[in-house]
Structure formats: C-alpha cells, structure tokens
PDB file of N, CA and C in Angstrom:
ATOM      1  N   MET A   1      32.875 145.031  70.881  1.00  0.00           N
ATOM      2  CA  MET A   1      33.216 143.903  70.067  1.00  0.00           C
ATOM      3  C   MET A   1      34.686 144.015  69.668  1.00  0.00           C
ATOM      4  N   LEU A   2      35.328 142.901  69.632  1.00  0.00           N
ATOM      5  CA  LEU A   2      36.743 142.855  69.279  1.00  0.00           C
ATOM      6  C   LEU A   2      36.925 142.736  67.774  1.00  0.00           C
ATOM      7  N   ALA A   3      38.099 143.108  67.318  1.00  0.00           N
ATOM      8  CA  ALA A   3      38.441 142.964  65.907  1.00  0.00           C
ATOM      9  C   ALA A   3      38.693 141.484  65.610  1.00  0.00           C
ATOM     10  N   MET A   4      38.586 141.142  64.355  1.00  0.00           N
ATOM     11  CA  MET A   4      38.774 139.739  63.956  1.00  0.00           C
ATOM     12  C   MET A   4      40.172 139.241  64.312  1.00  0.00           C
ATOM     13  N   SER A   5      41.176 140.093  64.244  1.00  0.00           N
ATOM     14  CA  SER A   5      42.534 139.666  64.588  1.00  0.00           C
ATOM     15  C   SER A   5      42.624 139.292  66.071  1.00  0.00           C
ATOM     16  N   ASP A   6      41.920 140.050  66.936  1.00  0.00           N
ATOM     17  CA  ASP A   6      41.910 139.721  68.359  1.00  0.00           C
ATOM     18  C   ASP A   6      41.180 138.409  68.623  1.00  0.00           C
ATOM     19  N   ILE A   7      40.084 138.198  67.928  1.00  0.00           N
ATOM     20  CA  ILE A   7      39.309 136.960  68.098  1.00  0.00           C
ATOM     21  C   ILE A   7      40.145 135.753  67.670  1.00  0.00           C
ATOM     22  N   LYS A   8      40.843 135.901  66.544  1.00  0.00           N
ATOM     23  CA  LYS A   8      41.692 134.798  66.077  1.00  0.00           C
ATOM     24  C   LYS A   8      42.843 134.545  67.047  1.00  0.00           C
ATOM     25  N   CYS A   9      43.362 135.611  67.640  1.00  0.00           N
ATOM     26  CA  CYS A   9      44.436 135.471  68.620  1.00  0.00           C
ATOM     27  C   CYS A   9      43.944 134.711  69.852  1.00  0.00           C
ATOM     28  N   ILE A  10      42.747 135.038  70.315  1.00  0.00           N
ATOM     29  CA  ILE A  10      42.163 134.347  71.471  1.00  0.00           C
ATOM     30  C   ILE A  10      41.976 132.869  71.163  1.00  0.00           C
ATOM     31  N   LYS A  11      41.452 132.568  69.976  1.00  0.00           N
ATOM     32  CA  LYS A  11      41.250 131.160  69.592  1.00  0.00           C
ATOM     33  C   LYS A  11      42.576 130.416  69.491  1.00  0.00           C
ATOM     34  N   LEU A  12      43.595 131.088  68.959  1.00  0.00           N
ATOM     35  CA  LEU A  12      44.908 130.470  68.842  1.00  0.00           C
ATOM     36  C   LEU A  12      45.490 130.159  70.222  1.00  0.00           C
ATOM     37  N   LEU A  13      45.413 131.135  71.129  1.00  0.00           N
ATOM     38  CA  LEU A  13      45.963 130.927  72.472  1.00  0.00           C
ATOM     39  C   LEU A  13      45.215 129.822  73.209  1.00  0.00           C
ATOM     40  N   ARG A  14      43.954 129.724  73.019  1.00  0.00           N
ATOM     41  CA  ARG A  14      43.143 128.720  73.735  1.00  0.00           C
ATOM     42  C   ARG A  14      43.317 127.329  73.127  1.00  0.00           C
ATOM     43  N   ASN A  15      43.190 127.229  71.804  1.00  0.00           N
ATOM     44  CA  ASN A  15      43.175 125.906  71.169  1.00  0.00           C
ATOM     45  C   ASN A  15      44.564 125.333  70.927  1.00  0.00           C
ATOM     46  N   GLN A  16      45.497 126.137  70.443  1.00  0.00           N
ATOM     47  CA  GLN A  16      46.804 125.588  70.099  1.00  0.00           C
ATOM     48  C   GLN A  16      47.814 125.701  71.241  1.00  0.00           C
ATOM     49  N   LYS A  17      47.804 126.808  71.966  1.00  0.00           N
ATOM     50  CA  LYS A  17      48.749 126.985  73.062  1.00  0.00           C
ATOM     51  C   LYS A  17      48.247 126.364  74.359  1.00  0.00           C
ATOM     52  N   GLY A  18      46.923 126.207  74.470  1.00  0.00           N
ATOM     53  CA  GLY A  18      46.350 125.589  75.651  1.00  0.00           C
ATOM     54  C   GLY A  18      46.347 126.466  76.891  1.00  0.00           C
ATOM     55  N   LEU A  19      46.321 127.773  76.716  1.00  0.00           N
ATOM     56  CA  LEU A  19      46.310 128.679  77.859  1.00  0.00           C
ATOM     57  C   LEU A  19      44.914 128.734  78.500  1.00  0.00           C
ATOM     58  N   SER A  20      44.891 129.047  79.783  1.00  0.00           N
ATOM     59  CA  SER A  20      43.607 129.176  80.481  1.00  0.00           C
ATOM     60  C   SER A  20      42.968 130.521  80.130  1.00  0.00           C
ATOM     61  N   LEU A  21      41.677 130.629  80.428  1.00  0.00           N
ATOM     62  CA  LEU A  21      40.955 131.859  80.129  1.00  0.00           C
ATOM     63  C   LEU A  21      41.518 133.055  80.902  1.00  0.00           C
ATOM     64  N   SER A  22      41.869 132.834  82.167  1.00  0.00           N
ATOM     65  CA  SER A  22      42.410 133.942  82.961  1.00  0.00           C
ATOM     66  C   SER A  22      43.771 134.390  82.433  1.00  0.00           C
ATOM     67  N   LYS A  23      44.589 133.448  81.960  1.00  0.00           N
ATOM     68  CA  LYS A  23      45.896 133.795  81.396  1.00  0.00           C
ATOM     69  C   LYS A  23      45.730 134.575  80.084  1.00  0.00           C
ATOM     70  N   ILE A  24      44.759 134.168  79.254  1.00  0.00           N
ATOM     71  CA  ILE A  24      44.473 134.887  78.004  1.00  0.00           C
ATOM     72  C   ILE A  24      43.989 136.301  78.319  1.00  0.00           C
ATOM     73  N   ALA A  25      43.117 136.411  79.315  1.00  0.00           N
ATOM     74  CA  ALA A  25      42.581 137.720  79.708  1.00  0.00           C
ATOM     75  C   ALA A  25      43.697 138.645  80.203  1.00  0.00           C
ATOM     76  N   GLU A  26      44.631 138.106  80.976  1.00  0.00           N
ATOM     77  CA  GLU A  26      45.758 138.909  81.455  1.00  0.00           C
ATOM     78  C   GLU A  26      46.669 139.331  80.306  1.00  0.00           C
ATOM     79  N   THR A  27      46.926 138.416  79.396  1.00  0.00           N
ATOM     80  CA  THR A  27      47.834 138.693  78.282  1.00  0.00           C
ATOM     81  C   THR A  27      47.278 139.781  77.360  1.00  0.00           C
ATOM     82  N   LEU A  28      46.001 139.679  77.036  1.00  0.00           N
ATOM     83  CA  LEU A  28      45.401 140.621  76.082  1.00  0.00           C
ATOM     84  C   LEU A  28      44.727 141.818  76.737  1.00  0.00           C
ATOM     85  N   HIS A  29      44.732 141.857  78.085  1.00  0.00           N
ATOM     86  CA  HIS A  29      44.118 142.952  78.838  1.00  0.00           C
ATOM     87  C   HIS A  29      42.632 143.100  78.522  1.00  0.00           C
ATOM     88  N   ILE A  30      41.926 141.974  78.599  1.00  0.00           N
ATOM     89  CA  ILE A  30      40.475 141.966  78.401  1.00  0.00           C
ATOM     90  C   ILE A  30      39.831 141.251  79.577  1.00  0.00           C
ATOM     91  N   ASN A  31      38.525 141.340  79.667  1.00  0.00           N
ATOM     92  CA  ASN A  31      37.784 140.653  80.711  1.00  0.00           C
ATOM     93  C   ASN A  31      37.784 139.152  80.425  1.00  0.00           C
ATOM     94  N   TRP A  32      37.775 138.332  81.481  1.00  0.00           N
ATOM     95  CA  TRP A  32      37.815 136.878  81.277  1.00  0.00           C
ATOM     96  C   TRP A  32      36.531 136.396  80.604  1.00  0.00           C
ATOM     97  N   ARG A  33      35.405 137.101  80.809  1.00  0.00           N
ATOM     98  CA  ARG A  33      34.151 136.707  80.148  1.00  0.00           C
ATOM     99  C   ARG A  33      34.246 136.898  78.630  1.00  0.00           C
ATOM    100  N   THR A  34      34.935 137.961  78.229  1.00  0.00           N
ATOM    101  CA  THR A  34      35.149 138.195  76.797  1.00  0.00           C
ATOM    102  C   THR A  34      36.034 137.104  76.211  1.00  0.00           C
ATOM    103  N   ALA A  35      37.071 136.742  76.941  1.00  0.00           N
ATOM    104  CA  ALA A  35      37.962 135.668  76.484  1.00  0.00           C
ATOM    105  C   ALA A  35      37.201 134.356  76.363  1.00  0.00           C
ATOM    106  N   LYS A  36      36.327 134.066  77.329  1.00  0.00           N
ATOM    107  CA  LYS A  36      35.529 132.841  77.290  1.00  0.00           C
ATOM    108  C   LYS A  36      34.584 132.853  76.102  1.00  0.00           C
ATOM    109  N   LYS A  37      33.966 134.003  75.876  1.00  0.00           N
ATOM    110  CA  LYS A  37      32.999 134.140  74.786  1.00  0.00           C
ATOM    111  C   LYS A  37      33.635 133.788  73.445  1.00  0.00           C
ATOM    112  N   TYR A  38      34.807 134.322  73.177  1.00  0.00           N
ATOM    113  CA  TYR A  38      35.428 134.109  71.868  1.00  0.00           C
ATOM    114  C   TYR A  38      36.286 132.855  71.799  1.00  0.00           C
ATOM    115  N   ALA A  39      36.746 132.339  72.926  1.00  0.00           N
ATOM    116  CA  ALA A  39      37.606 131.156  72.906  1.00  0.00           C
ATOM    117  C   ALA A  39      36.800 129.875  72.775  1.00  0.00           C
ATOM    118  N   ASP A  40      35.701 129.771  73.493  1.00  0.00           N
ATOM    119  CA  ASP A  40      34.976 128.514  73.550  1.00  0.00           C
ATOM    120  C   ASP A  40      33.825 128.402  72.545  1.00  0.00           C
ATOM    121  N   GLU A  41      33.275 129.511  72.119  1.00  0.00           N
ATOM    122  CA  GLU A  41      32.145 129.445  71.196  1.00  0.00           C
ATOM    123  C   GLU A  41      32.632 129.474  69.755  1.00  0.00           C
ATOM    124  N   GLU A  42      31.847 128.865  68.888  1.00  0.00           N
ATOM    125  CA  GLU A  42      32.163 128.850  67.463  1.00  0.00           C
ATOM    126  C   GLU A  42      31.555 130.059  66.758  1.00  0.00           C
ATOM    127  N   GLN A  43      30.957 130.917  67.523  1.00  0.00           N
ATOM    128  CA  GLN A  43      30.272 132.069  66.978  1.00  0.00           C
ATOM    129  C   GLN A  43      31.283 133.135  66.564  1.00  0.00           C
ATOM    130  N   ILE A  44      31.234 133.531  65.303  1.00  0.00           N
ATOM    131  CA  ILE A  44      32.083 134.598  64.793  1.00  0.00           C
ATOM    132  C   ILE A  44      31.168 135.772  64.467  1.00  0.00           C
ATOM    133  N   PRO A  45      31.487 136.955  64.935  1.00  0.00           N
ATOM    134  CA  PRO A  45      30.593 138.087  64.694  1.00  0.00           C
ATOM    135  C   PRO A  45      30.469 138.419  63.213  1.00  0.00           C
ATOM    136  N   VAL A  46      29.253 138.686  62.802  1.00  0.00           N
ATOM    137  CA  VAL A  46      28.983 139.055  61.419  1.00  0.00           C
ATOM    138  C   VAL A  46      28.747 140.564  61.387  1.00  0.00           C
ATOM    139  N   PRO A  47      29.450 141.261  60.526  1.00  0.00           N
ATOM    140  CA  PRO A  47      29.237 142.704  60.468  1.00  0.00           C
ATOM    141  C   PRO A  47      27.808 143.007  60.029  1.00  0.00           C
ATOM    142  N   SER A  48      27.147 143.830  60.815  1.00  0.00           N
ATOM    143  CA  SER A  48      25.768 144.160  60.489  1.00  0.00           C
ATOM    144  C   SER A  48      25.735 145.457  59.708  1.00  0.00           C
ATOM    145  N   GLY A  49      25.203 145.382  58.530  1.00  0.00           N
ATOM    146  CA  GLY A  49      25.087 146.573  57.700  1.00  0.00           C
ATOM    147  C   GLY A  49      23.709 146.629  57.081  1.00  0.00           C
ATOM    148  N   ARG A  50      23.077 147.775  57.240  1.00  0.00           N
ATOM    149  CA  ARG A  50      21.762 147.935  56.651  1.00  0.00           C
ATOM    150  C   ARG A  50      21.914 148.216  55.167  1.00  0.00           C
ATOM    151  N   PRO A  51      21.065 147.631  54.360  1.00  0.00           N
ATOM    152  CA  PRO A  51      21.123 147.959  52.937  1.00  0.00           C
ATOM    153  C   PRO A  51      20.727 149.418  52.720  1.00  0.00           C
ATOM    154  N   LYS A  52      21.451 150.078  51.882  1.00  0.00           N
ATOM    155  CA  LYS A  52      21.176 151.484  51.638  1.00  0.00           C
ATOM    156  C   LYS A  52      19.999 151.611  50.692  1.00  0.00           C
ATOM    157  N   ARG A  53      19.085 152.491  51.077  1.00  0.00           N
ATOM    158  CA  ARG A  53      17.897 152.695  50.268  1.00  0.00           C
ATOM    159  C   ARG A  53      17.717 154.182  50.014  1.00  0.00           C
ATOM    160  N   GLY A  54      16.856 154.488  49.088  1.00  0.00           N
ATOM    161  CA  GLY A  54      16.531 155.873  48.819  1.00  0.00           C
ATOM    162  C   GLY A  54      16.936 156.291  47.423  1.00  0.00           C
ATOM    163  N   MET A  55      16.603 157.535  47.114  1.00  0.00           N
ATOM    164  CA  MET A  55      16.839 158.062  45.781  1.00  0.00           C
ATOM    165  C   MET A  55      18.318 158.060  45.414  1.00  0.00           C
ATOM    166  N   MET A  56      19.183 158.316  46.384  1.00  0.00           N
ATOM    167  CA  MET A  56      20.604 158.409  46.085  1.00  0.00           C
ATOM    168  C   MET A  56      21.193 157.072  45.651  1.00  0.00           C
ATOM    169  N   TYR A  57      20.592 155.971  46.057  1.00  0.00           N
ATOM    170  CA  TYR A  57      21.164 154.658  45.761  1.00  0.00           C
ATOM    171  C   TYR A  57      20.368 153.873  44.727  1.00  0.00           C
ATOM    172  N   GLU A  58      19.072 154.118  44.624  1.00  0.00           N
ATOM    173  CA  GLU A  58      18.230 153.311  43.754  1.00  0.00           C
ATOM    174  C   GLU A  58      18.020 153.917  42.373  1.00  0.00           C
ATOM    175  N   GLU A  59      18.199 155.223  42.246  1.00  0.00           N
ATOM    176  CA  GLU A  59      17.931 155.876  40.976  1.00  0.00           C
ATOM    177  C   GLU A  59      19.202 156.536  40.461  1.00  0.00           C
ATOM    178  N   LYS A  60      19.122 157.038  39.234  1.00  0.00           N
ATOM    179  CA  LYS A  60      20.297 157.645  38.612  1.00  0.00           C
ATOM    180  C   LYS A  60      20.637 159.011  39.183  1.00  0.00           C
ATOM    181  N   TRP A  61      19.734 159.599  39.948  1.00  0.00           N
ATOM    182  CA  TRP A  61      19.959 160.942  40.481  1.00  0.00           C
ATOM    183  C   TRP A  61      21.088 160.963  41.504  1.00  0.00           C
ATOM    184  N   GLY A  62      21.272 159.894  42.217  1.00  0.00           N
ATOM    185  CA  GLY A  62      22.331 159.843  43.216  1.00  0.00           C
ATOM    186  C   GLY A  62      23.708 159.992  42.594  1.00  0.00           C
ATOM    187  N   VAL A  63      23.899 159.368  41.441  1.00  0.00           N
ATOM    188  CA  VAL A  63      25.182 159.474  40.746  1.00  0.00           C
ATOM    189  C   VAL A  63      25.411 160.914  40.314  1.00  0.00           C
ATOM    190  N   MET A  64      24.351 161.548  39.836  1.00  0.00           N
ATOM    191  CA  MET A  64      24.456 162.926  39.378  1.00  0.00           C
ATOM    192  C   MET A  64      24.815 163.862  40.535  1.00  0.00           C
ATOM    193  N   VAL A  65      24.155 163.690  41.663  1.00  0.00           N
ATOM    194  CA  VAL A  65      24.428 164.540  42.816  1.00  0.00           C
ATOM    195  C   VAL A  65      25.840 164.299  43.337  1.00  0.00           C
ATOM    196  N   SER A  66      26.280 163.055  43.374  1.00  0.00           N
ATOM    197  CA  SER A  66      27.640 162.789  43.850  1.00  0.00           C
ATOM    198  C   SER A  66      28.672 163.385  42.898  1.00  0.00           C
ATOM    199  N   ASP A  67      28.383 163.393  41.588  1.00  0.00           N
ATOM    200  CA  ASP A  67      29.285 164.043  40.635  1.00  0.00           C
ATOM    201  C   ASP A  67      29.337 165.547  40.876  1.00  0.00           C
ATOM    202  N   TRP A  68      28.174 166.148  41.134  1.00  0.00           N
ATOM    203  CA  TRP A  68      28.132 167.582  41.431  1.00  0.00           C
ATOM    204  C   TRP A  68      28.957 167.898  42.674  1.00  0.00           C
ATOM    205  N   LEU A  69      28.811 167.075  43.702  1.00  0.00           N
ATOM    206  CA  LEU A  69      29.551 167.309  44.940  1.00  0.00           C
ATOM    207  C   LEU A  69      31.056 167.155  44.722  1.00  0.00           C
ATOM    208  N   PHE A  70      31.427 166.193  43.885  1.00  0.00           N
ATOM    209  CA  PHE A  70      32.840 165.996  43.578  1.00  0.00           C
ATOM    210  C   PHE A  70      33.397 167.210  42.838  1.00  0.00           C
ATOM    211  N   GLU A  71      32.617 167.711  41.853  1.00  0.00           N
ATOM    212  CA  GLU A  71      33.052 168.890  41.110  1.00  0.00           C
ATOM    213  C   GLU A  71      33.162 170.103  42.028  1.00  0.00           C
ATOM    214  N   ASP A  72      32.181 170.271  42.903  1.00  0.00           N
ATOM    215  CA  ASP A  72      32.196 171.407  43.818  1.00  0.00           C
ATOM    216  C   ASP A  72      33.315 171.310  44.839  1.00  0.00           C
ATOM    217  N   GLY A  73      33.760 170.108  45.118  1.00  0.00           N
ATOM    218  CA  GLY A  73      34.848 169.924  46.073  1.00  0.00           C
ATOM    219  C   GLY A  73      36.138 170.556  45.607  1.00  0.00           C
ATOM    220  N   ARG A  74      36.296 170.706  44.295  1.00  0.00           N
ATOM    221  CA  ARG A  74      37.506 171.302  43.740  1.00  0.00           C
ATOM    222  C   ARG A  74      37.461 172.830  43.740  1.00  0.00           C
ATOM    223  N   LEU A  75      36.254 173.394  43.914  1.00  0.00           N
ATOM    224  CA  LEU A  75      36.096 174.843  43.884  1.00  0.00           C
ATOM    225  C   LEU A  75      36.399 175.457  45.242  1.00  0.00           C
ATOM    226  N   LYS A  76      36.547 176.792  45.237  1.00  0.00           N
ATOM    227  CA  LYS A  76      36.698 177.501  46.500  1.00  0.00           C
ATOM    228  C   LYS A  76      35.392 177.393  47.267  1.00  0.00           C
ATOM    229  N   LYS A  77      35.475 177.545  48.559  1.00  0.00           N
ATOM    230  CA  LYS A  77      34.309 177.338  49.405  1.00  0.00           C
ATOM    231  C   LYS A  77      33.164 178.286  49.057  1.00  0.00           C
ATOM    232  N   LYS A  78      33.459 179.512  48.734  1.00  0.00           N
ATOM    233  CA  LYS A  78      32.423 180.489  48.403  1.00  0.00           C
ATOM    234  C   LYS A  78      31.724 180.165  47.085  1.00  0.00           C
ATOM    235  N   LEU A  79      32.389 179.445  46.194  1.00  0.00           N
ATOM    236  CA  LEU A  79      31.818 179.156  44.882  1.00  0.00           C
ATOM    237  C   LEU A  79      31.038 177.841  44.830  1.00  0.00           C
ATOM    238  N   ARG A  80      31.061 177.084  45.921  1.00  0.00           N
ATOM    239  CA  ARG A  80      30.365 175.791  45.939  1.00  0.00           C
ATOM    240  C   ARG A  80      28.856 175.983  46.036  1.00  0.00           C
ATOM    241  N   ARG A  81      28.133 174.972  45.546  1.00  0.00           N
ATOM    242  CA  ARG A  81      26.671 175.016  45.634  1.00  0.00           C
ATOM    243  C   ARG A  81      26.218 174.689  47.047  1.00  0.00           C
ATOM    244  N   THR A  82      25.160 175.348  47.465  1.00  0.00           N
ATOM    245  CA  THR A  82      24.571 175.061  48.761  1.00  0.00           C
ATOM    246  C   THR A  82      23.586 173.911  48.608  1.00  0.00           C
ATOM    247  N   LYS A  83      23.073 173.434  49.738  1.00  0.00           N
ATOM    248  CA  LYS A  83      22.075 172.350  49.684  1.00  0.00           C
ATOM    249  C   LYS A  83      20.844 172.802  48.921  1.00  0.00           C
ATOM    250  N   LYS A  84      20.474 174.044  49.128  1.00  0.00           N
ATOM    251  CA  LYS A  84      19.283 174.570  48.465  1.00  0.00           C
ATOM    252  C   LYS A  84      19.495 174.643  46.956  1.00  0.00           C
ATOM    253  N   GLN A  85      20.668 175.082  46.529  1.00  0.00           N
ATOM    254  CA  GLN A  85      20.965 175.153  45.100  1.00  0.00           C
ATOM    255  C   GLN A  85      20.999 173.764  44.472  1.00  0.00           C
ATOM    256  N   LEU A  86      21.590 172.803  45.170  1.00  0.00           N
ATOM    257  CA  LEU A  86      21.608 171.419  44.670  1.00  0.00           C
ATOM    258  C   LEU A  86      20.186 170.887  44.515  1.00  0.00           C
ATOM    259  N   PHE A  87      19.340 171.170  45.515  1.00  0.00           N
ATOM    260  CA  PHE A  87      17.958 170.704  45.465  1.00  0.00           C
ATOM    261  C   PHE A  87      17.220 171.337  44.294  1.00  0.00           C
ATOM    262  N   GLN A  88      17.411 172.640  44.078  1.00  0.00           N
ATOM    263  CA  GLN A  88      16.727 173.318  42.976  1.00  0.00           C
ATOM    264  C   GLN A  88      17.185 172.768  41.625  1.00  0.00           C
ATOM    265  N   GLU A  89      18.480 172.564  41.462  1.00  0.00           N
ATOM    266  CA  GLU A  89      18.985 172.005  40.203  1.00  0.00           C
ATOM    267  C   GLU A  89      18.455 170.603  39.968  1.00  0.00           C
ATOM    268  N   LEU A  90      18.411 169.808  41.009  1.00  0.00           N
ATOM    269  CA  LEU A  90      17.896 168.450  40.878  1.00  0.00           C
ATOM    270  C   LEU A  90      16.413 168.473  40.542  1.00  0.00           C
ATOM    271  N   LYS A  91      15.672 169.364  41.186  1.00  0.00           N
ATOM    272  CA  LYS A  91      14.246 169.472  40.920  1.00  0.00           C
ATOM    273  C   LYS A  91      13.996 169.912  39.471  1.00  0.00           C
ATOM    274  N   ASN A  92      14.783 170.873  38.991  1.00  0.00           N
ATOM    275  CA  ASN A  92      14.655 171.318  37.606  1.00  0.00           C
ATOM    276  C   ASN A  92      15.014 170.201  36.634  1.00  0.00           C
ATOM    277  N   MET A  93      16.043 169.434  36.967  1.00  0.00           N
ATOM    278  CA  MET A  93      16.475 168.337  36.102  1.00  0.00           C
ATOM    279  C   MET A  93      15.387 167.265  36.020  1.00  0.00           C
ATOM    280  N   ILE A  94      14.800 166.917  37.146  1.00  0.00           N
ATOM    281  CA  ILE A  94      13.738 165.911  37.164  1.00  0.00           C
ATOM    282  C   ILE A  94      12.533 166.412  36.391  1.00  0.00           C
ATOM    283  N   PHE A  95      12.194 167.693  36.534  1.00  0.00           N
ATOM    284  CA  PHE A  95      11.063 168.267  35.814  1.00  0.00           C
ATOM    285  C   PHE A  95      11.293 168.190  34.313  1.00  0.00           C
ATOM    286  N   ARG A  96      12.514 168.529  33.869  1.00  0.00           N
ATOM    287  CA  ARG A  96      12.814 168.475  32.437  1.00  0.00           C
ATOM    288  C   ARG A  96      12.742 167.058  31.901  1.00  0.00           C
ATOM    289  N   VAL A  97      13.192 166.090  32.684  1.00  0.00           N
ATOM    290  CA  VAL A  97      13.165 164.700  32.228  1.00  0.00           C
ATOM    291  C   VAL A  97      11.724 164.203  32.147  1.00  0.00           C
ATOM    292  N   LEU A  98      10.925 164.526  33.152  1.00  0.00           N
ATOM    293  CA  LEU A  98       9.546 164.053  33.176  1.00  0.00           C
ATOM    294  C   LEU A  98       8.680 164.713  32.112  1.00  0.00           C
ATOM    295  N   THR A  99       8.922 165.972  31.817  1.00  0.00           N
ATOM    296  CA  THR A  99       8.102 166.670  30.825  1.00  0.00           C
ATOM    297  C   THR A  99       8.705 166.589  29.438  1.00  0.00           C
ATOM    298  N   GLY A 100       9.934 166.151  29.315  1.00  0.00           N
ATOM    299  CA  GLY A 100      10.572 166.034  28.010  1.00  0.00           C
ATOM    300  C   GLY A 100      11.062 167.360  27.478  1.00  0.00           C
ATOM    301  N   ARG A 101      11.285 168.326  28.348  1.00  0.00           N
ATOM    302  CA  ARG A 101      11.751 169.645  27.923  1.00  0.00           C
ATOM    303  C   ARG A 101      13.272 169.707  28.020  1.00  0.00           C
ATOM    304  N   PHE A 102      13.910 169.329  26.935  1.00  0.00           N
ATOM    305  CA  PHE A 102      15.353 169.423  26.883  1.00  0.00           C
ATOM    306  C   PHE A 102      15.701 170.589  25.980  1.00  0.00           C
ATOM    307  N   THR A 103      16.458 171.520  26.479  1.00  0.00           N
ATOM    308  CA  THR A 103      16.862 172.668  25.670  1.00  0.00           C
ATOM    309  C   THR A 103      18.369 172.678  25.583  1.00  0.00           C
ATOM    310  N   SER A 104      18.842 172.952  24.429  1.00  0.00           N
ATOM    311  CA  SER A 104      20.280 173.051  24.242  1.00  0.00           C
ATOM    312  C   SER A 104      20.713 174.462  24.592  1.00  0.00           C
ATOM    313  N   SER A 105      21.772 174.600  25.325  1.00  0.00           N
ATOM    314  CA  SER A 105      22.253 175.921  25.713  1.00  0.00           C
ATOM    315  C   SER A 105      22.734 176.686  24.480  1.00  0.00           C
ATOM    316  N   PHE A 106      23.235 175.966  23.476  1.00  0.00           N
ATOM    317  CA  PHE A 106      23.701 176.614  22.253  1.00  0.00           C
ATOM    318  C   PHE A 106      22.532 177.245  21.516  1.00  0.00           C
ATOM    319  N   LYS A 107      21.451 176.488  21.367  1.00  0.00           N
ATOM    320  CA  LYS A 107      20.296 177.003  20.645  1.00  0.00           C
ATOM    321  C   LYS A 107      19.661 178.179  21.367  1.00  0.00           C
ATOM    322  N   SER A 108      19.513 178.068  22.669  1.00  0.00           N
ATOM    323  CA  SER A 108      18.890 179.161  23.417  1.00  0.00           C
ATOM    324  C   SER A 108      19.783 180.392  23.403  1.00  0.00           C
ATOM    325  N   GLY A 109      21.087 180.212  23.452  1.00  0.00           N
ATOM    326  CA  GLY A 109      22.009 181.340  23.377  1.00  0.00           C
ATOM    327  C   GLY A 109      21.968 182.009  22.028  1.00  0.00           C
ATOM    328  N   LYS A 110      21.880 181.212  20.962  1.00  0.00           N
ATOM    329  CA  LYS A 110      21.799 181.740  19.604  1.00  0.00           C
ATOM    330  C   LYS A 110      20.501 182.520  19.433  1.00  0.00           C
ATOM    331  N   HIS A 111      19.414 181.988  19.990  1.00  0.00           N
ATOM    332  CA  HIS A 111      18.112 182.633  19.901  1.00  0.00           C
ATOM    333  C   HIS A 111      18.126 183.964  20.645  1.00  0.00           C
ATOM    334  N   ASN A 112      18.758 184.022  21.802  1.00  0.00           N
ATOM    335  CA  ASN A 112      18.828 185.259  22.578  1.00  0.00           C
ATOM    336  C   ASN A 112      19.659 186.321  21.865  1.00  0.00           C
ATOM    337  N   LYS A 113      20.708 185.925  21.143  1.00  0.00           N
ATOM    338  CA  LYS A 113      21.522 186.880  20.405  1.00  0.00           C
ATOM    339  C   LYS A 113      20.729 187.512  19.279  1.00  0.00           C
ATOM    340  N   LYS A 114      19.873 186.717  18.629  1.00  0.00           N
ATOM    341  CA  LYS A 114      19.032 187.256  17.557  1.00  0.00           C
ATOM    342  C   LYS A 114      18.082 188.299  18.118  1.00  0.00           C
ATOM    343  N   ARG A 115      17.532 188.051  19.295  1.00  0.00           N
ATOM    344  CA  ARG A 115      16.621 189.005  19.921  1.00  0.00           C
ATOM    345  C   ARG A 115      17.327 190.315  20.244  1.00  0.00           C
ATOM    346  N   GLN A 116      18.582 190.233  20.668  1.00  0.00           N
ATOM    347  CA  GLN A 116      19.311 191.429  21.037  1.00  0.00           C
ATOM    348  C   GLN A 116      19.622 192.305  19.833  1.00  0.00           C
ATOM    349  N   ARG A 117      19.839 191.706  18.674  1.00  0.00           N
ATOM    350  CA  ARG A 117      20.168 192.462  17.468  1.00  0.00           C
ATOM    351  C   ARG A 117      18.964 193.265  16.965  1.00  0.00           C
ATOM    352  N   ILE A 118      17.783 192.754  17.206  1.00  0.00           N
ATOM    353  CA  ILE A 118      16.571 193.399  16.672  1.00  0.00           C
ATOM    354  C   ILE A 118      16.227 194.652  17.391  1.00  0.00           C
TER     355      ILE A 118
END
C-alpha cells in the first residue's frame, strides 16, 4: 500500500495534469495497475487498527505496570524487575485490593522495631 502523499500525487497527476497511467507509473516507478487503482477509483485506504483489549488497557493495572516499567527504565539493567517479579508484585497488589489488606510500611516498620527491642 502506498502512503497518502503518493496517492494524492497520483490523483494530482491524473486529474489536474492529465497524464496517462503509463506516464504516471514511469514517473513514480510503480506498476501501472497501482497507478490505475489510485488514480481512477475514489477509494482511499483506511488504516486498519484493532481496538486494544485486555487488562493493560481496560483496567487500572495497565497504568501501574507501565509506570513500573518507566521507573525501571531509568535503573541499571541488573537492578530492573524481571517479568516474574512484575507478575508477583501485580498479583500481590490485586490480592491486597480484593481482600482490603492495606498495610502502611511505616506502621509495619515501627512494629518490627518494637519486636527487636524486646
């Protein structure tokens, strides 16, 4: 498929300049059938794109994972999270949200310090 600029060029050469299909094909170094297709038909190609589906696009988890990947992109390669680590963190996060188990790192750290003193 040709780019839109090429298609517009073919239409311009055919409609306004009045060049023949073979002359257009020679000028643009394309097949004469391609020149005929875009010069004479009113059909303009529509970019085909499938709608993105899945957890990464439909739920809030995708934003979280993309943020993690962005943060890890700044780290050295050895310090980045692996796919398995990302999956485990995401699984733990989903479990905490579904069960309502939110723990503050400050509180748990304070609690652990008290245990160490005893």
